[in-house]
Amino acid sequence: MANMNMDDPSKQEAIRRGTHEYIPTEGKHGAYVPRTYDRSKNEYPKMMGKWPKPEFAEFLKVNGVDIPRDIAAQNYQAAMTEWDRAMTNSIVHSKAEETQWLKENQN
């Protein structure tokens, strides 16, 4: 429901979706003040994997030989599945998990 006390509806939507804090003030109404997002407090979960995403163009030629598009698409899909699995497995939820992941994946 739209708030008729606000001049700009997009401002109300930003308050509704964003990180705002209601500060009671003297009188009938308070104010919504935007809070700055502090990344250091919300460090986890984070993705540790830095592998590049496979590109379809990489699968169209192998050693200079053109590969049929249907076979290239299958190979690309398999590579994307493997990349997605690896990236998902690289998610850590704490500092202990991060150090464990770094120990296991030293290259």
C-alpha atoms as a PDB file:
ATOM      1  CA  MET A   1       0.000   0.000   0.000  1.00  0.00           C
ATOM      2  CA  ALA A   2       1.381   3.369  -0.968  1.00  0.00           C
ATOM      3  CA  ASN A   3       2.191   5.893   1.702  1.00  0.00           C
ATOM      4  CA  MET A   4       0.476   9.160   0.809  1.00  0.00           C
ATOM      5  CA  ASN A   5       2.779  11.152   3.097  1.00  0.00           C
ATOM      6  CA  MET A   6       5.778  10.612   0.826  1.00  0.00           C
ATOM      7  CA  ASP A   7       6.376  12.649  -2.287  1.00  0.00           C
ATOM      8  CA  ASP A   8       8.238   9.928  -4.161  1.00  0.00           C
ATOM      9  CA  PRO A   9       6.984   6.299  -4.122  1.00  0.00           C
ATOM     10  CA  SER A  10      10.432   5.048  -5.187  1.00  0.00           C
ATOM     11  CA  LYS A  11      11.842   6.464  -1.942  1.00  0.00           C
ATOM     12  CA  GLN A  12       9.306   4.433   0.035  1.00  0.00           C
ATOM     13  CA  GLU A  13      10.229   1.312  -1.943  1.00  0.00           C
ATOM     14  CA  ALA A  14      13.933   1.902  -1.243  1.00  0.00           C
ATOM     15  CA  ILE A  15      13.157   2.160   2.467  1.00  0.00           C
ATOM     16  CA  ARG A  16      11.050  -1.001   2.366  1.00  0.00           C
ATOM     17  CA  ARG A  17      13.711  -3.057   0.565  1.00  0.00           C
ATOM     18  CA  GLY A  18      16.856  -1.401   1.861  1.00  0.00           C
ATOM     19  CA  THR A  19      18.747  -1.286   5.115  1.00  0.00           C
ATOM     20  CA  HIS A  20      16.962   1.485   6.981  1.00  0.00           C
ATOM     21  CA  GLU A  21      16.450   1.984  10.661  1.00  0.00           C
ATOM     22  CA  TYR A  22      13.426   3.668  12.225  1.00  0.00           C
ATOM     23  CA  ILE A  23      14.448   6.445  14.622  1.00  0.00           C
ATOM     24  CA  PRO A  24      11.618   7.738  16.820  1.00  0.00           C
ATOM     25  CA  THR A  25      11.543  11.525  16.977  1.00  0.00           C
ATOM     26  CA  GLU A  26       9.590  14.047  18.979  1.00  0.00           C
ATOM     27  CA  GLY A  27       6.020  14.296  17.797  1.00  0.00           C
ATOM     28  CA  LYS A  28       3.813  11.880  15.900  1.00  0.00           C
ATOM     29  CA  HIS A  29       6.180  10.420  13.303  1.00  0.00           C
ATOM     30  CA  GLY A  30       9.760   9.162  13.360  1.00  0.00           C
ATOM     31  CA  ALA A  31      12.229   9.002  10.530  1.00  0.00           C
ATOM     32  CA  TYR A  32      13.791   6.191   8.504  1.00  0.00           C
ATOM     33  CA  VAL A  33      17.535   6.681   8.350  1.00  0.00           C
ATOM     34  CA  PRO A  34      19.635   4.625   5.915  1.00  0.00           C
ATOM     35  CA  ARG A  35      22.265   2.435   7.548  1.00  0.00           C
ATOM     36  CA  THR A  36      25.549   1.905   5.741  1.00  0.00           C
ATOM     37  CA  TYR A  37      26.346  -1.703   4.962  1.00  0.00           C
ATOM     38  CA  ASP A  38      29.428  -2.903   6.824  1.00  0.00           C
ATOM     39  CA  ARG A  39      30.967  -5.828   4.940  1.00  0.00           C
ATOM     40  CA  SER A  40      33.338  -6.706   7.795  1.00  0.00           C
ATOM     41  CA  LYS A  41      30.439  -7.749  10.048  1.00  0.00           C
ATOM     42  CA  ASN A  42      28.868  -9.993   7.415  1.00  0.00           C
ATOM     43  CA  GLU A  43      31.893 -11.705   5.941  1.00  0.00           C
ATOM     44  CA  TYR A  44      30.367 -15.180   5.767  1.00  0.00           C
ATOM     45  CA  PRO A  45      29.147 -17.117   3.871  1.00  0.00           C
ATOM     46  CA  LYS A  46      31.578 -16.477   1.057  1.00  0.00           C
ATOM     47  CA  MET A  47      32.728 -18.326  -2.018  1.00  0.00           C
ATOM     48  CA  MET A  48      36.413 -19.221  -2.008  1.00  0.00           C
ATOM     49  CA  GLY A  49      36.642 -20.628  -5.549  1.00  0.00           C
ATOM     50  CA  LYS A  50      38.122 -18.262  -8.141  1.00  0.00           C
ATOM     51  CA  TRP A  51      37.954 -20.557 -11.160  1.00  0.00           C
ATOM     52  CA  PRO A  52      36.895 -18.885 -14.420  1.00  0.00           C
ATOM     53  CA  LYS A  53      33.466 -19.753 -15.760  1.00  0.00           C
ATOM     54  CA  PRO A  54      33.612 -21.931 -18.905  1.00  0.00           C
ATOM     55  CA  GLU A  55      32.708 -20.140 -22.133  1.00  0.00           C
ATOM     56  CA  PHE A  56      30.899 -21.892 -24.982  1.00  0.00           C
ATOM     57  CA  ALA A  57      33.441 -20.622 -27.521  1.00  0.00           C
ATOM     58  CA  GLU A  58      36.127 -22.691 -25.774  1.00  0.00           C
ATOM     59  CA  PHE A  59      34.302 -25.896 -26.746  1.00  0.00           C
ATOM     60  CA  LEU A  60      33.747 -25.169 -30.444  1.00  0.00           C
ATOM     61  CA  LYS A  61      37.359 -25.976 -31.410  1.00  0.00           C
ATOM     62  CA  VAL A  62      39.793 -28.532 -30.022  1.00  0.00           C
ATOM     63  CA  ASN A  63      43.396 -28.304 -31.288  1.00  0.00           C
ATOM     64  CA  GLY A  64      42.194 -26.177 -34.217  1.00  0.00           C
ATOM     65  CA  VAL A  65      39.543 -28.713 -35.301  1.00  0.00           C
ATOM     66  CA  ASP A  66      35.907 -27.600 -35.439  1.00  0.00           C
ATOM     67  CA  ILE A  67      33.603 -29.620 -33.184  1.00  0.00           C
ATOM     68  CA  PRO A  68      29.912 -30.122 -34.086  1.00  0.00           C
ATOM     69  CA  ARG A  69      27.715 -27.744 -32.097  1.00  0.00           C
ATOM     70  CA  ASP A  70      25.644 -30.489 -30.451  1.00  0.00           C
ATOM     71  CA  ILE A  71      28.758 -32.244 -29.116  1.00  0.00           C
ATOM     72  CA  ALA A  72      30.268 -28.894 -28.089  1.00  0.00           C
ATOM     73  CA  ALA A  73      27.018 -28.054 -26.270  1.00  0.00           C
ATOM     74  CA  GLN A  74      27.133 -31.363 -24.378  1.00  0.00           C
ATOM     75  CA  ASN A  75      30.776 -30.803 -23.409  1.00  0.00           C
ATOM     76  CA  TYR A  76      29.990 -27.221 -22.388  1.00  0.00           C
ATOM     77  CA  GLN A  77      27.032 -28.369 -20.254  1.00  0.00           C
ATOM     78  CA  ALA A  78      29.212 -30.982 -18.530  1.00  0.00           C
ATOM     79  CA  ALA A  79      31.914 -28.371 -17.860  1.00  0.00           C
ATOM     80  CA  MET A  80      29.328 -25.902 -16.507  1.00  0.00           C
ATOM     81  CA  THR A  81      27.920 -28.579 -14.188  1.00  0.00           C
ATOM     82  CA  GLU A  82      31.396 -29.388 -12.890  1.00  0.00           C
ATOM     83  CA  TRP A  83      32.262 -25.673 -12.467  1.00  0.00           C
ATOM     84  CA  ASP A  84      28.976 -25.049 -10.612  1.00  0.00           C
ATOM     85  CA  ARG A  85      29.609 -28.036  -8.327  1.00  0.00           C
ATOM     86  CA  ALA A  86      33.150 -26.839  -7.569  1.00  0.00           C
ATOM     87  CA  MET A  87      31.994 -23.269  -6.859  1.00  0.00           C
ATOM     88  CA  THR A  88      29.178 -24.488  -4.617  1.00  0.00           C
ATOM     89  CA  ASN A  89      31.592 -26.714  -2.697  1.00  0.00           C
ATOM     90  CA  SER A  90      33.902 -23.729  -2.159  1.00  0.00           C
ATOM     91  CA  ILE A  91      31.353 -21.870   0.010  1.00  0.00           C
ATOM     92  CA  VAL A  92      32.567 -21.425   3.598  1.00  0.00           C
ATOM     93  CA  HIS A  93      30.541 -20.257   6.599  1.00  0.00           C
ATOM     94  CA  SER A  94      33.217 -19.424   9.187  1.00  0.00           C
ATOM     95  CA  LYS A  95      36.864 -18.529   9.623  1.00  0.00           C
ATOM     96  CA  ALA A  96      37.666 -22.134  10.625  1.00  0.00           C
ATOM     97  CA  GLU A  97      36.083 -23.467   7.422  1.00  0.00           C
ATOM     98  CA  GLU A  98      37.983 -20.856   5.419  1.00  0.00           C
ATOM     99  CA  THR A  99      41.372 -21.869   6.820  1.00  0.00           C
ATOM    100  CA  GLN A 100      40.492 -25.548   6.313  1.00  0.00           C
ATOM    101  CA  TRP A 101      39.503 -24.889   2.702  1.00  0.00           C
ATOM    102  CA  LEU A 102      42.716 -22.928   2.079  1.00  0.00           C
ATOM    103  CA  LYS A 103      44.822 -25.795   3.516  1.00  0.00           C
ATOM    104  CA  GLU A 104      43.046 -28.363   1.340  1.00  0.00           C
ATOM    105  CA  ASN A 105      43.243 -26.284  -1.847  1.00  0.00           C
ATOM    106  CA  GLN A 106      46.783 -24.932  -1.820  1.00  0.00           C
ATOM    107  CA  ASN A 107      48.200 -25.036  -5.333  1.00  0.00           C
END
